[in-house]
Protein backbone atom coordinates (compact mmCIF):
# COMPACT_ATOMS: atom_id res chain seq x y z
CA UNK A 1 0.03 0.02 0.00
CA UNK A 2 1.60 3.22 -1.12
CA UNK A 3 0.60 6.21 1.03
CA UNK A 4 -1.45 8.79 -1.18
CA UNK A 5 -2.95 11.20 1.52
CA UNK A 6 -1.45 14.45 2.70
CA UNK A 7 -1.59 15.95 6.21
CA UNK A 8 -4.29 18.41 5.28
CA UNK A 9 -6.46 15.54 3.77
CA UNK A 10 -5.96 13.43 6.84
CA UNK A 11 -6.88 16.35 9.13
CA UNK A 12 -10.10 17.24 7.35
CA UNK A 13 -11.20 13.58 7.37
CA UNK A 14 -10.63 13.24 11.12
CA UNK A 15 -12.38 16.59 11.78
CA UNK A 16 -15.31 15.49 9.61
CA UNK A 17 -15.49 12.05 11.54
CA UNK A 18 -15.37 13.93 14.91
CA UNK A 19 -18.16 16.15 13.81
CA UNK A 20 -20.30 13.17 12.76
CA UNK A 21 -19.54 11.47 16.14
CA UNK A 22 -20.54 14.58 18.00
CA UNK A 23 -23.78 14.87 16.20
CA UNK A 24 -24.55 11.20 16.79
CA UNK A 25 -23.72 11.16 20.51
CA UNK A 26 -25.72 14.43 21.04
CA UNK A 27 -28.67 12.93 19.42
CA UNK A 28 -28.89 15.25 16.53
CA UNK A 29 -28.80 12.57 14.02
CA UNK A 30 -30.25 9.13 14.44
CA UNK A 31 -31.69 6.16 12.69
CA UNK A 32 -30.52 5.13 9.30
CA UNK A 33 -28.76 8.37 8.51
CA UNK A 34 -26.84 7.98 11.74
CA UNK A 35 -25.64 4.57 10.77
CA UNK A 36 -24.55 5.39 7.27
CA UNK A 37 -22.74 8.62 8.43
CA UNK A 38 -20.97 6.70 11.36
CA UNK A 39 -19.84 4.03 8.81
CA UNK A 40 -18.39 6.74 6.66
CA UNK A 41 -16.76 8.40 9.58
CA UNK A 42 -15.04 4.96 10.51
CA UNK A 43 -13.80 4.69 6.87
CA UNK A 44 -12.44 8.32 7.18
CA UNK A 45 -10.61 7.44 10.44
CA UNK A 46 -9.23 4.23 8.95
CA UNK A 47 -8.04 5.85 5.75
CA UNK A 48 -6.42 8.62 7.78
CA UNK A 49 -4.58 6.21 10.02
CA UNK A 50 -3.14 4.28 7.12
CA UNK A 51 -2.59 7.46 4.95
CA UNK A 52 -4.26 5.51 1.97
CA UNK A 53 -7.52 6.08 0.17
CA UNK A 54 -8.37 3.17 -2.08
CA UNK A 55 -10.35 5.49 -4.39
CA UNK A 56 -7.39 7.85 -5.04
CA UNK A 57 -5.43 5.61 -7.34
CA UNK A 58 -8.51 4.75 -9.41
CA UNK A 59 -9.14 8.61 -9.80
CA UNK A 60 -5.45 9.42 -10.17
CA UNK A 61 -5.35 11.67 -7.11
CA UNK A 62 -2.40 11.84 -4.76
CA UNK A 63 -2.47 14.69 -1.95
CA UNK A 64 0.79 13.53 -0.39
CA UNK A 65 3.82 15.75 -0.83
CA UNK A 66 6.58 14.56 -3.05
CA UNK A 67 9.65 13.43 -1.24
């Protein structure tokens, strides 16, 4: 797995996941919408931890700085 996510990209994903979690635990979102958004939030966290997004190679995107 070649890393393809930059720091800004990872930060935005973690922030979005935190917002979804906050909305869920405060009861603002519930039901099917909450489940779908929480799954997406978990995917965002996982991709941020591994610095790899499986969709990026398919779309030709790489937000990581060149070394």
